[in-house]
């Protein structure tokens, strides 16, 4: 649906007080939706492209927040690839956060009570340890 939005929809969104009303960000969202549809049309869904850039599992969990990176080489490579494919406002820090949110990496600190459940879910999804 979002991929089909046009100028009238952009104008409507710019008037919507419930969202960030930044034309560049709205237009980037529409471009990203179109790029995602384009990926799927070629047989390579966005989720497969993101998963293909998952970093290798960590040898050990981070001990402190200082051990958790803001980016990794894989998130930089994914940012470059997505931009090459027409995505906008996709940087390595945002994409590393996406990898964390999707469970591609587990940056829960050593000793965090959530870590065992997260690791079990990652193993069930075929993602191994991180």
N, C-alpha and C. Protein backbone atom coordinates (compact mmCIF):
# COMPACT_ATOMS: atom_id res chain seq x y z
N UNK A 1 0.83 -1.18 0.00
CA UNK A 1 0.00 0.00 0.00
C UNK A 1 0.88 1.25 0.00
N UNK A 2 1.84 1.34 0.92
CA UNK A 2 2.68 2.53 1.03
C UNK A 2 3.46 2.76 -0.26
N UNK A 3 3.87 1.68 -0.92
CA UNK A 3 4.64 1.81 -2.15
C UNK A 3 3.85 2.51 -3.25
N UNK A 4 2.53 2.51 -3.15
CA UNK A 4 1.70 3.14 -4.18
C UNK A 4 1.31 4.58 -3.83
N UNK A 5 1.76 5.10 -2.70
CA UNK A 5 1.43 6.47 -2.32
C UNK A 5 1.99 7.45 -3.34
N UNK A 6 1.26 8.53 -3.57
CA UNK A 6 1.68 9.57 -4.50
C UNK A 6 1.75 10.93 -3.83
N UNK A 7 1.75 11.97 -4.65
CA UNK A 7 1.89 13.34 -4.15
C UNK A 7 0.78 13.74 -3.17
N UNK A 8 -0.44 13.31 -3.45
CA UNK A 8 -1.56 13.64 -2.55
C UNK A 8 -1.35 13.00 -1.18
N UNK A 9 -0.81 11.79 -1.17
CA UNK A 9 -0.54 11.12 0.10
C UNK A 9 0.58 11.82 0.86
N UNK A 10 1.59 12.28 0.14
CA UNK A 10 2.68 13.02 0.79
C UNK A 10 2.12 14.28 1.43
N UNK A 11 1.26 15.00 0.72
CA UNK A 11 0.65 16.21 1.27
C UNK A 11 -0.17 15.89 2.51
N UNK A 12 -0.94 14.80 2.45
CA UNK A 12 -1.75 14.38 3.60
C UNK A 12 -0.85 14.06 4.79
N UNK A 13 0.24 13.35 4.55
CA UNK A 13 1.15 12.98 5.63
C UNK A 13 1.86 14.20 6.22
N UNK A 14 2.19 15.16 5.36
CA UNK A 14 2.83 16.38 5.86
C UNK A 14 1.90 17.17 6.79
N UNK A 15 0.60 16.97 6.67
CA UNK A 15 -0.37 17.65 7.52
C UNK A 15 -0.74 16.83 8.76
N UNK A 16 -0.25 15.60 8.85
CA UNK A 16 -0.60 14.71 9.96
C UNK A 16 0.25 15.04 11.18
N UNK A 17 -0.37 15.61 12.21
CA UNK A 17 0.37 16.02 13.41
C UNK A 17 0.83 14.84 14.25
N UNK A 18 0.38 13.64 13.92
CA UNK A 18 0.75 12.45 14.68
C UNK A 18 2.06 11.81 14.25
N UNK A 19 2.69 12.35 13.20
CA UNK A 19 3.95 11.78 12.72
C UNK A 19 4.99 12.88 12.57
N UNK A 20 6.22 12.47 12.34
CA UNK A 20 7.29 13.43 12.04
C UNK A 20 7.00 13.96 10.64
N UNK A 21 6.79 15.25 10.52
CA UNK A 21 6.40 15.84 9.23
C UNK A 21 7.61 16.42 8.52
N UNK A 22 8.45 15.54 8.05
CA UNK A 22 9.65 15.91 7.33
C UNK A 22 9.53 15.33 5.93
N UNK A 23 9.46 16.21 4.94
CA UNK A 23 9.24 15.75 3.56
C UNK A 23 10.28 14.72 3.13
N UNK A 24 11.55 14.96 3.43
CA UNK A 24 12.61 14.04 3.00
C UNK A 24 12.41 12.66 3.62
N UNK A 25 12.02 12.62 4.88
CA UNK A 25 11.82 11.32 5.53
C UNK A 25 10.57 10.62 5.00
N UNK A 26 9.53 11.36 4.75
CA UNK A 26 8.32 10.77 4.18
C UNK A 26 8.61 10.22 2.79
N UNK A 27 9.29 11.01 1.98
CA UNK A 27 9.61 10.55 0.62
C UNK A 27 10.58 9.36 0.67
N UNK A 28 11.49 9.34 1.64
CA UNK A 28 12.39 8.20 1.79
C UNK A 28 11.61 6.94 2.17
N UNK A 29 10.61 7.10 3.02
CA UNK A 29 9.79 5.96 3.42
C UNK A 29 9.07 5.38 2.20
N UNK A 30 8.55 6.24 1.35
CA UNK A 30 7.87 5.77 0.14
C UNK A 30 8.86 5.10 -0.80
N UNK A 31 10.04 5.71 -0.96
CA UNK A 31 11.08 5.12 -1.82
C UNK A 31 11.50 3.75 -1.27
N UNK A 32 11.64 3.65 0.04
CA UNK A 32 12.03 2.37 0.64
C UNK A 32 10.96 1.30 0.44
N UNK A 33 9.70 1.70 0.54
CA UNK A 33 8.61 0.75 0.30
C UNK A 33 8.66 0.26 -1.15
N UNK A 34 8.89 1.17 -2.06
CA UNK A 34 8.98 0.79 -3.48
C UNK A 34 10.18 -0.11 -3.73
N UNK A 35 11.31 0.21 -3.09
CA UNK A 35 12.51 -0.60 -3.25
C UNK A 35 12.29 -2.00 -2.68
N UNK A 36 11.59 -2.10 -1.56
CA UNK A 36 11.30 -3.41 -0.96
C UNK A 36 10.40 -4.24 -1.88
N UNK A 37 9.41 -3.59 -2.48
CA UNK A 37 8.54 -4.28 -3.44
C UNK A 37 9.37 -4.74 -4.64
N UNK A 38 10.27 -3.87 -5.09
CA UNK A 38 11.14 -4.23 -6.22
C UNK A 38 12.02 -5.42 -5.91
N UNK A 39 12.55 -5.48 -4.70
CA UNK A 39 13.36 -6.64 -4.30
C UNK A 39 12.55 -7.91 -4.37
N UNK A 40 11.36 -7.86 -3.79
CA UNK A 40 10.51 -9.06 -3.78
C UNK A 40 10.17 -9.49 -5.21
N UNK A 41 9.97 -8.52 -6.10
CA UNK A 41 9.65 -8.84 -7.50
C UNK A 41 10.80 -9.57 -8.19
N UNK A 42 12.02 -9.33 -7.74
CA UNK A 42 13.18 -10.02 -8.33
C UNK A 42 13.43 -11.37 -7.67
N UNK A 43 12.61 -11.71 -6.68
CA UNK A 43 12.77 -12.99 -6.00
C UNK A 43 13.69 -12.92 -4.80
N UNK A 44 14.13 -11.73 -4.42
CA UNK A 44 15.00 -11.57 -3.26
C UNK A 44 14.31 -10.65 -2.25
N UNK A 45 13.56 -11.22 -1.33
CA UNK A 45 12.87 -10.37 -0.36
C UNK A 45 13.85 -9.65 0.56
N UNK A 46 13.41 -8.52 1.06
CA UNK A 46 14.25 -7.70 1.94
C UNK A 46 14.79 -8.50 3.12
N UNK A 47 13.94 -9.33 3.71
CA UNK A 47 14.39 -10.08 4.89
C UNK A 47 15.56 -11.02 4.56
N UNK A 48 15.57 -11.57 3.35
CA UNK A 48 16.69 -12.44 2.95
C UNK A 48 17.97 -11.63 2.78
N UNK A 49 17.84 -10.43 2.22
CA UNK A 49 19.02 -9.57 2.04
C UNK A 49 19.58 -9.16 3.40
N UNK A 50 18.71 -8.80 4.32
CA UNK A 50 19.17 -8.41 5.66
C UNK A 50 19.83 -9.60 6.36
N UNK A 51 19.18 -10.73 6.31
CA UNK A 51 19.73 -11.93 6.98
C UNK A 51 21.07 -12.34 6.38
N UNK A 52 21.24 -12.15 5.08
CA UNK A 52 22.50 -12.51 4.42
C UNK A 52 23.66 -11.65 4.92
N UNK A 53 23.36 -10.52 5.53
CA UNK A 53 24.40 -9.62 6.04
C UNK A 53 24.58 -9.75 7.56
N UNK A 54 23.99 -10.76 8.16
CA UNK A 54 24.12 -10.94 9.61
C UNK A 54 25.58 -11.20 9.96
N UNK A 55 26.07 -10.56 11.01
CA UNK A 55 27.45 -10.80 11.42
C UNK A 55 27.61 -12.21 11.99
N UNK A 56 28.84 -12.71 11.98
CA UNK A 56 29.06 -14.04 12.57
C UNK A 56 28.82 -13.99 14.08
N UNK A 57 28.51 -15.13 14.67
CA UNK A 57 28.28 -15.17 16.12
C UNK A 57 29.50 -14.69 16.90
N UNK A 58 29.23 -14.06 18.04
CA UNK A 58 30.30 -13.61 18.93
C UNK A 58 30.89 -14.81 19.67
N UNK A 59 32.17 -14.70 20.00
CA UNK A 59 32.81 -15.74 20.81
C UNK A 59 32.26 -15.73 22.23
N UNK A 60 31.95 -14.54 22.75
CA UNK A 60 31.40 -14.41 24.11
C UNK A 60 30.50 -13.18 24.15
N UNK A 61 29.54 -13.18 25.06
CA UNK A 61 28.63 -12.02 25.15
C UNK A 61 29.36 -10.79 25.67
N UNK A 62 28.84 -9.61 25.35
CA UNK A 62 29.47 -8.39 25.88
C UNK A 62 29.34 -8.33 27.40
N UNK A 63 30.40 -7.86 28.04
CA UNK A 63 30.40 -7.75 29.50
C UNK A 63 29.84 -6.41 29.96
N UNK A 64 30.07 -5.36 29.16
CA UNK A 64 29.59 -4.01 29.51
C UNK A 64 29.02 -3.37 28.26
N UNK A 65 28.31 -2.26 28.45
CA UNK A 65 27.76 -1.54 27.29
C UNK A 65 28.87 -1.03 26.39
N UNK A 66 30.03 -0.78 26.93
CA UNK A 66 31.16 -0.33 26.11
C UNK A 66 31.60 -1.40 25.12
N UNK A 67 31.24 -2.66 25.39
CA UNK A 67 31.59 -3.77 24.49
C UNK A 67 30.60 -3.93 23.34
N UNK A 68 29.52 -3.18 23.36
CA UNK A 68 28.49 -3.29 22.32
C UNK A 68 28.77 -2.25 21.25
N UNK A 69 29.03 -2.68 20.02
CA UNK A 69 29.34 -1.71 18.97
C UNK A 69 28.10 -0.97 18.47
N UNK A 70 28.32 0.19 17.89
CA UNK A 70 27.22 0.93 17.24
C UNK A 70 27.03 0.45 15.81
N UNK A 71 28.10 -0.04 15.22
CA UNK A 71 28.06 -0.58 13.86
C UNK A 71 29.01 -1.76 13.80
N UNK A 72 28.86 -2.55 12.76
CA UNK A 72 29.80 -3.63 12.45
C UNK A 72 30.03 -3.59 10.95
N UNK A 73 31.09 -4.20 10.45
CA UNK A 73 31.33 -4.18 9.00
C UNK A 73 30.13 -4.67 8.19
N UNK A 74 29.40 -5.64 8.72
CA UNK A 74 28.24 -6.17 8.00
C UNK A 74 27.12 -5.15 7.88
N UNK A 75 26.92 -4.32 8.91
CA UNK A 75 25.87 -3.30 8.82
C UNK A 75 26.28 -2.21 7.83
N UNK A 76 27.56 -1.92 7.74
CA UNK A 76 28.06 -0.97 6.74
C UNK A 76 27.85 -1.53 5.34
N UNK A 77 28.17 -2.80 5.15
CA UNK A 77 27.98 -3.44 3.84
C UNK A 77 26.50 -3.46 3.46
N UNK A 78 25.63 -3.75 4.42
CA UNK A 78 24.19 -3.76 4.15
C UNK A 78 23.70 -2.37 3.79
N UNK A 79 24.18 -1.34 4.48
CA UNK A 79 23.78 0.03 4.16
C UNK A 79 24.16 0.37 2.73
N UNK A 80 25.36 0.02 2.35
CA UNK A 80 25.81 0.29 0.96
C UNK A 80 24.95 -0.46 -0.05
N UNK A 81 24.64 -1.72 0.24
CA UNK A 81 23.84 -2.53 -0.69
C UNK A 81 22.42 -1.99 -0.80
N UNK A 82 21.83 -1.62 0.32
CA UNK A 82 20.47 -1.08 0.26
C UNK A 82 20.43 0.24 -0.49
N UNK A 83 21.41 1.10 -0.27
CA UNK A 83 21.46 2.37 -1.01
C UNK A 83 21.62 2.10 -2.50
N UNK A 84 22.44 1.12 -2.84
CA UNK A 84 22.63 0.76 -4.25
C UNK A 84 21.30 0.31 -4.88
N UNK A 85 20.44 -0.26 -4.07
CA UNK A 85 19.16 -0.77 -4.56
C UNK A 85 18.02 0.23 -4.40
N UNK A 86 18.35 1.48 -4.07
CA UNK A 86 17.34 2.52 -4.05
C UNK A 86 16.78 2.91 -2.70
N UNK A 87 17.26 2.32 -1.63
CA UNK A 87 16.79 2.69 -0.30
C UNK A 87 17.45 3.99 0.14
N UNK A 88 16.75 4.73 0.99
CA UNK A 88 17.26 6.00 1.51
C UNK A 88 17.20 6.01 3.03
N UNK A 89 17.99 6.89 3.65
CA UNK A 89 18.04 7.03 5.11
C UNK A 89 18.33 5.68 5.78
N UNK A 90 19.24 4.92 5.21
CA UNK A 90 19.63 3.63 5.78
C UNK A 90 21.14 3.66 6.02
N UNK A 91 21.52 3.93 7.25
CA UNK A 91 22.94 3.98 7.60
C UNK A 91 23.33 2.76 8.42
N UNK A 92 24.63 2.58 8.62
CA UNK A 92 25.11 1.39 9.33
C UNK A 92 24.66 1.31 10.79
N UNK A 93 24.51 2.44 11.46
CA UNK A 93 24.06 2.41 12.86
C UNK A 93 22.60 1.97 12.94
N UNK A 94 21.77 2.54 12.10
CA UNK A 94 20.36 2.15 12.07
C UNK A 94 20.21 0.68 11.69
N UNK A 95 21.02 0.23 10.75
CA UNK A 95 20.91 -1.16 10.31
C UNK A 95 21.44 -2.13 11.36
N UNK A 96 22.44 -1.71 12.14
CA UNK A 96 22.89 -2.59 13.23
C UNK A 96 21.78 -2.67 14.29
N UNK A 97 21.11 -1.56 14.55
CA UNK A 97 19.98 -1.58 15.48
C UNK A 97 18.88 -2.50 14.96
N UNK A 98 18.65 -2.51 13.65
CA UNK A 98 17.68 -3.43 13.05
C UNK A 98 18.11 -4.87 13.28
N UNK A 99 19.41 -5.14 13.09
CA UNK A 99 19.92 -6.50 13.32
C UNK A 99 19.70 -6.93 14.77
N UNK A 100 19.88 -6.00 15.70
CA UNK A 100 19.62 -6.30 17.12
C UNK A 100 18.13 -6.56 17.34
N UNK A 101 17.30 -5.69 16.80
CA UNK A 101 15.85 -5.79 17.02
C UNK A 101 15.27 -7.07 16.41
N UNK A 102 15.84 -7.51 15.29
CA UNK A 102 15.35 -8.72 14.62
C UNK A 102 15.95 -9.99 15.20
N UNK A 103 16.89 -9.85 16.11
CA UNK A 103 17.51 -11.03 16.71
C UNK A 103 18.65 -11.61 15.91
N UNK A 104 19.11 -10.90 14.88
CA UNK A 104 20.26 -11.38 14.11
C UNK A 104 21.53 -11.33 14.95
N UNK A 105 21.58 -10.42 15.91
CA UNK A 105 22.66 -10.37 16.89
C UNK A 105 22.02 -10.24 18.26
N UNK A 106 22.71 -10.74 19.26
CA UNK A 106 22.22 -10.64 20.63
C UNK A 106 23.25 -9.88 21.44
N UNK A 107 22.97 -8.63 21.71
CA UNK A 107 23.88 -7.80 22.49
C UNK A 107 23.45 -7.67 23.94
N UNK A 108 22.61 -8.59 24.43
CA UNK A 108 22.32 -8.61 25.86
C UNK A 108 23.62 -8.91 26.59
N UNK A 109 23.85 -8.18 27.65
CA UNK A 109 25.10 -8.34 28.39
C UNK A 109 25.17 -9.71 29.05
N UNK A 110 26.39 -10.16 29.27
CA UNK A 110 26.61 -11.39 30.01
C UNK A 110 25.94 -11.25 31.37
N UNK A 111 25.15 -12.22 31.74
CA UNK A 111 24.45 -12.16 33.01
C UNK A 111 23.08 -11.53 32.94
N UNK A 112 22.70 -10.97 31.79
CA UNK A 112 21.37 -10.39 31.64
C UNK A 112 20.34 -11.51 31.73
N UNK A 113 19.29 -11.35 32.54
CA UNK A 113 18.31 -12.41 32.69
C UNK A 113 17.58 -12.75 31.39
N UNK A 114 17.53 -11.84 30.43
CA UNK A 114 16.85 -12.10 29.16
C UNK A 114 17.70 -12.91 28.19
N UNK A 115 19.01 -12.92 28.40
CA UNK A 115 19.92 -13.53 27.42
C UNK A 115 19.61 -15.01 27.14
N UNK A 116 19.37 -15.88 28.14
CA UNK A 116 19.09 -17.28 27.82
C UNK A 116 17.87 -17.47 26.91
N UNK A 117 16.81 -16.73 27.17
CA UNK A 117 15.61 -16.86 26.33
C UNK A 117 15.87 -16.35 24.92
N UNK A 118 16.63 -15.27 24.81
CA UNK A 118 16.96 -14.73 23.49
C UNK A 118 17.81 -15.73 22.72
N UNK A 119 18.78 -16.31 23.38
CA UNK A 119 19.64 -17.30 22.71
C UNK A 119 18.85 -18.53 22.29
N UNK A 120 17.91 -18.97 23.11
CA UNK A 120 17.07 -20.11 22.74
C UNK A 120 16.24 -19.78 21.51
N UNK A 121 15.69 -18.58 21.45
CA UNK A 121 14.90 -18.16 20.29
C UNK A 121 15.78 -18.07 19.05
N UNK A 122 17.01 -17.58 19.22
CA UNK A 122 17.93 -17.49 18.08
C UNK A 122 18.26 -18.89 17.56
N UNK A 123 18.53 -19.83 18.46
CA UNK A 123 18.83 -21.20 18.03
C UNK A 123 17.63 -21.81 17.30
N UNK A 124 16.43 -21.57 17.82
CA UNK A 124 15.21 -22.10 17.18
C UNK A 124 15.02 -21.52 15.78
N UNK A 125 15.51 -20.29 15.59
CA UNK A 125 15.41 -19.64 14.27
C UNK A 125 16.59 -19.98 13.37
N UNK A 126 17.49 -20.82 13.87
CA UNK A 126 18.65 -21.21 13.06
C UNK A 126 19.74 -20.17 13.02
N UNK A 127 19.80 -19.31 14.03
CA UNK A 127 20.78 -18.23 14.03
C UNK A 127 22.00 -18.52 14.90
N UNK A 128 21.99 -19.59 15.67
CA UNK A 128 23.16 -19.93 16.49
C UNK A 128 23.40 -18.93 17.60
N UNK A 129 24.60 -18.97 18.14
CA UNK A 129 24.98 -18.07 19.24
C UNK A 129 25.47 -16.75 18.68
N UNK A 130 25.40 -15.71 19.52
CA UNK A 130 26.05 -14.44 19.17
C UNK A 130 26.53 -13.77 20.43
